[in-house]
Amino acid sequence: MSTSSRLVDAVQRAAERAVEQQAATWLLASVTATYGDGTLDIITARGPVAKVRRLKSYATPAAADVVMVSRNSDGNWLVIGALA
């Protein structure tokens, strides 16, 4: 592989990572711990996330619940609620 080809590949990978980090997204996660202050610990396909806020409508969270999670471009996480 030529130097210019490696450079093009490296730039493309860096651009893909930057877009992924800046994009808002939603995903599924499992609850691993609950706290009385309205936060949860979750684990996603990307790894664990601690102390994520939840909506008031998700009133009775429990460990092992599968939940819908949203993440905005600033890196803030929000648990929307449990799946049926």
N, C-alpha and C. Protein backbone atom coordinates (compact mmCIF):
# COMPACT_ATOMS: atom_id res chain seq x y z
N MET A 1 0.85 -1.17 0.00
CA MET A 1 0.00 0.00 0.00
C MET A 1 0.90 1.23 0.00
N SER A 2 0.58 2.17 -0.87
CA SER A 2 1.40 3.37 -1.00
C SER A 2 1.16 4.32 0.17
N THR A 3 2.08 5.27 0.31
CA THR A 3 1.97 6.25 1.38
C THR A 3 0.72 7.10 1.21
N SER A 4 0.43 7.51 -0.02
CA SER A 4 -0.76 8.34 -0.24
C SER A 4 -2.04 7.55 0.04
N SER A 5 -2.04 6.28 -0.27
CA SER A 5 -3.21 5.44 0.00
C SER A 5 -3.42 5.29 1.50
N ARG A 6 -2.35 5.10 2.26
CA ARG A 6 -2.45 5.00 3.72
C ARG A 6 -2.94 6.31 4.32
N LEU A 7 -2.46 7.42 3.77
CA LEU A 7 -2.88 8.73 4.25
C LEU A 7 -4.38 8.94 4.00
N VAL A 8 -4.84 8.58 2.82
CA VAL A 8 -6.27 8.71 2.49
C VAL A 8 -7.10 7.86 3.46
N ASP A 9 -6.66 6.63 3.71
CA ASP A 9 -7.38 5.75 4.64
C ASP A 9 -7.42 6.34 6.05
N ALA A 10 -6.31 6.89 6.51
CA ALA A 10 -6.24 7.48 7.84
C ALA A 10 -7.16 8.69 7.97
N VAL A 11 -7.18 9.53 6.95
CA VAL A 11 -8.04 10.71 6.97
C VAL A 11 -9.51 10.29 6.97
N GLN A 12 -9.85 9.28 6.17
CA GLN A 12 -11.22 8.81 6.12
C GLN A 12 -11.66 8.24 7.47
N ARG A 13 -10.81 7.45 8.12
CA ARG A 13 -11.14 6.90 9.44
C ARG A 13 -11.33 8.01 10.46
N ALA A 14 -10.47 9.02 10.43
CA ALA A 14 -10.59 10.15 11.36
C ALA A 14 -11.89 10.92 11.13
N ALA A 15 -12.25 11.11 9.90
CA ALA A 15 -13.50 11.82 9.58
C ALA A 15 -14.71 11.02 10.05
N GLU A 16 -14.70 9.71 9.85
CA GLU A 16 -15.80 8.87 10.30
C GLU A 16 -15.96 8.92 11.82
N ARG A 17 -14.83 8.88 12.54
CA ARG A 17 -14.88 8.96 14.00
C ARG A 17 -15.43 10.31 14.45
N ALA A 18 -15.01 11.39 13.80
CA ALA A 18 -15.47 12.73 14.17
C ALA A 18 -16.97 12.87 13.94
N VAL A 19 -17.47 12.37 12.84
CA VAL A 19 -18.91 12.43 12.56
C VAL A 19 -19.67 11.61 13.58
N GLU A 20 -19.19 10.42 13.89
CA GLU A 20 -19.87 9.56 14.87
C GLU A 20 -19.92 10.23 16.23
N GLN A 21 -18.86 10.88 16.64
CA GLN A 21 -18.82 11.53 17.94
C GLN A 21 -19.73 12.74 18.01
N GLN A 22 -19.95 13.43 16.90
CA GLN A 22 -20.76 14.64 16.88
C GLN A 22 -22.23 14.39 16.60
N ALA A 23 -22.57 13.20 16.13
CA ALA A 23 -23.95 12.91 15.74
C ALA A 23 -24.79 12.52 16.95
N ALA A 24 -26.02 13.03 16.97
CA ALA A 24 -26.98 12.57 17.97
C ALA A 24 -27.47 11.20 17.54
N THR A 25 -27.77 10.36 18.51
CA THR A 25 -28.17 9.01 18.17
C THR A 25 -29.01 8.40 19.28
N TRP A 26 -29.66 7.31 18.99
CA TRP A 26 -30.33 6.53 20.02
C TRP A 26 -29.86 5.09 19.87
N LEU A 27 -29.92 4.35 20.98
CA LEU A 27 -29.51 2.96 20.98
C LEU A 27 -30.16 2.23 22.13
N LEU A 28 -29.97 0.92 22.17
CA LEU A 28 -30.50 0.10 23.25
C LEU A 28 -29.41 -0.16 24.27
N ALA A 29 -29.82 -0.31 25.51
CA ALA A 29 -28.88 -0.57 26.60
C ALA A 29 -29.57 -1.42 27.65
N SER A 30 -28.78 -1.96 28.56
CA SER A 30 -29.30 -2.69 29.72
C SER A 30 -28.95 -1.90 30.97
N VAL A 31 -29.91 -1.83 31.88
CA VAL A 31 -29.69 -1.14 33.16
C VAL A 31 -28.85 -2.06 34.05
N THR A 32 -27.80 -1.51 34.63
CA THR A 32 -26.95 -2.30 35.53
C THR A 32 -27.09 -1.85 36.99
N ALA A 33 -27.54 -0.61 37.21
CA ALA A 33 -27.76 -0.12 38.59
C ALA A 33 -28.73 1.05 38.54
N THR A 34 -29.48 1.22 39.62
CA THR A 34 -30.41 2.34 39.74
C THR A 34 -30.07 3.14 40.99
N TYR A 35 -30.36 4.44 40.94
CA TYR A 35 -30.08 5.33 42.07
C TYR A 35 -31.32 6.16 42.37
N GLY A 36 -31.44 6.62 43.59
CA GLY A 36 -32.59 7.40 44.02
C GLY A 36 -32.63 8.82 43.48
N ASP A 37 -31.57 9.27 42.85
CA ASP A 37 -31.52 10.64 42.34
C ASP A 37 -31.99 10.76 40.89
N GLY A 38 -32.60 9.71 40.35
CA GLY A 38 -33.10 9.76 38.98
C GLY A 38 -32.08 9.36 37.93
N THR A 39 -31.00 8.73 38.34
CA THR A 39 -29.98 8.29 37.40
C THR A 39 -29.85 6.77 37.41
N LEU A 40 -29.25 6.27 36.36
CA LEU A 40 -29.02 4.84 36.18
C LEU A 40 -27.63 4.61 35.64
N ASP A 41 -27.08 3.45 35.91
CA ASP A 41 -25.90 2.98 35.19
C ASP A 41 -26.41 2.04 34.11
N ILE A 42 -25.84 2.16 32.92
CA ILE A 42 -26.25 1.31 31.80
C ILE A 42 -25.04 0.71 31.12
N ILE A 43 -25.28 -0.31 30.33
CA ILE A 43 -24.24 -0.85 29.48
C ILE A 43 -24.80 -0.93 28.07
N THR A 44 -24.04 -0.40 27.12
CA THR A 44 -24.42 -0.40 25.72
C THR A 44 -23.43 -1.26 24.94
N ALA A 45 -23.67 -1.37 23.66
CA ALA A 45 -22.73 -2.10 22.80
C ALA A 45 -21.38 -1.39 22.76
N ARG A 46 -21.36 -0.10 23.09
CA ARG A 46 -20.12 0.68 23.12
C ARG A 46 -19.42 0.62 24.46
N GLY A 47 -20.10 0.07 25.48
CA GLY A 47 -19.50 -0.04 26.80
C GLY A 47 -20.39 0.56 27.87
N PRO A 48 -19.92 0.56 29.12
CA PRO A 48 -20.73 1.06 30.24
C PRO A 48 -20.77 2.59 30.28
N VAL A 49 -21.89 3.11 30.79
CA VAL A 49 -22.06 4.56 31.00
C VAL A 49 -22.66 4.74 32.39
N ALA A 50 -22.05 5.56 33.22
CA ALA A 50 -22.49 5.74 34.60
C ALA A 50 -23.36 6.98 34.76
N LYS A 51 -24.31 6.87 35.68
CA LYS A 51 -25.14 8.00 36.14
C LYS A 51 -25.83 8.74 34.99
N VAL A 52 -26.60 8.00 34.22
CA VAL A 52 -27.37 8.57 33.10
C VAL A 52 -28.73 9.00 33.64
N ARG A 53 -29.17 10.21 33.29
CA ARG A 53 -30.49 10.70 33.71
C ARG A 53 -31.58 9.91 33.00
N ARG A 54 -32.74 9.79 33.65
CA ARG A 54 -33.90 9.13 33.04
C ARG A 54 -35.07 10.08 33.02
N LEU A 55 -36.02 9.81 32.12
CA LEU A 55 -37.25 10.60 32.09
C LEU A 55 -38.12 10.26 33.29
N LYS A 56 -38.93 11.20 33.74
CA LYS A 56 -39.86 10.96 34.86
C LYS A 56 -40.84 9.84 34.52
N SER A 57 -41.18 9.71 33.26
CA SER A 57 -42.15 8.68 32.86
C SER A 57 -41.60 7.26 33.04
N TYR A 58 -40.30 7.12 33.13
CA TYR A 58 -39.69 5.81 33.41
C TYR A 58 -39.52 5.74 34.93
N ALA A 59 -40.65 5.54 35.62
CA ALA A 59 -40.73 5.72 37.06
C ALA A 59 -40.18 4.56 37.89
N THR A 60 -40.19 3.36 37.36
CA THR A 60 -39.75 2.20 38.15
C THR A 60 -38.65 1.43 37.43
N PRO A 61 -37.49 2.02 37.29
CA PRO A 61 -36.40 1.32 36.62
C PRO A 61 -35.91 0.14 37.45
N ALA A 62 -35.44 -0.88 36.77
CA ALA A 62 -34.91 -2.05 37.47
C ALA A 62 -33.69 -2.57 36.73
N ALA A 63 -32.77 -3.13 37.48
CA ALA A 63 -31.59 -3.74 36.87
C ALA A 63 -32.05 -4.80 35.88
N ALA A 64 -31.36 -4.89 34.77
CA ALA A 64 -31.61 -5.83 33.67
C ALA A 64 -32.70 -5.36 32.71
N ASP A 65 -33.36 -4.22 32.98
CA ASP A 65 -34.30 -3.67 32.00
C ASP A 65 -33.54 -3.34 30.72
N VAL A 66 -34.17 -3.61 29.58
CA VAL A 66 -33.63 -3.16 28.30
C VAL A 66 -34.31 -1.83 28.00
N VAL A 67 -33.51 -0.80 27.77
CA VAL A 67 -34.03 0.56 27.65
C VAL A 67 -33.57 1.21 26.35
N MET A 68 -34.37 2.20 25.92
CA MET A 68 -33.98 3.05 24.80
C MET A 68 -33.22 4.23 25.37
N VAL A 69 -32.07 4.51 24.79
CA VAL A 69 -31.18 5.57 25.28
C VAL A 69 -30.89 6.54 24.13
N SER A 70 -30.85 7.82 24.46
CA SER A 70 -30.51 8.83 23.49
C SER A 70 -29.21 9.51 23.92
N ARG A 71 -28.38 9.85 22.94
CA ARG A 71 -27.13 10.58 23.21
C ARG A 71 -27.06 11.73 22.22
N ASN A 72 -26.84 12.95 22.73
CA ASN A 72 -26.74 14.08 21.81
C ASN A 72 -25.30 14.36 21.42
N SER A 73 -25.12 15.34 20.56
CA SER A 73 -23.77 15.62 20.03
C SER A 73 -22.82 16.16 21.08
N ASP A 74 -23.35 16.65 22.21
CA ASP A 74 -22.49 17.13 23.31
C ASP A 74 -22.03 16.00 24.22
N GLY A 75 -22.54 14.78 23.97
CA GLY A 75 -22.14 13.64 24.78
C GLY A 75 -23.05 13.40 25.98
N ASN A 76 -24.19 14.09 26.03
CA ASN A 76 -25.14 13.88 27.12
C ASN A 76 -26.02 12.67 26.81
N TRP A 77 -26.25 11.85 27.83
CA TRP A 77 -27.04 10.63 27.69
C TRP A 77 -28.37 10.81 28.41
N LEU A 78 -29.42 10.13 27.90
CA LEU A 78 -30.75 10.18 28.49
C LEU A 78 -31.43 8.85 28.27
N VAL A 79 -31.93 8.25 29.36
CA VAL A 79 -32.71 7.00 29.25
C VAL A 79 -34.16 7.41 29.01
N ILE A 80 -34.71 6.97 27.88
CA ILE A 80 -36.08 7.31 27.50
C ILE A 80 -37.07 6.43 28.24
N GLY A 81 -36.84 5.13 28.26
CA GLY A 81 -37.74 4.23 28.94
C GLY A 81 -37.44 2.77 28.59
N ALA A 82 -38.15 1.87 29.26
CA ALA A 82 -37.94 0.44 29.08
C ALA A 82 -38.74 -0.08 27.89
N LEU A 83 -38.23 -1.10 27.23
CA LEU A 83 -38.95 -1.76 26.16
C LEU A 83 -39.87 -2.81 26.77
N ALA A 84 -40.95 -3.08 26.07
CA ALA A 84 -41.92 -4.09 26.54
C ALA A 84 -41.36 -5.47 26.32
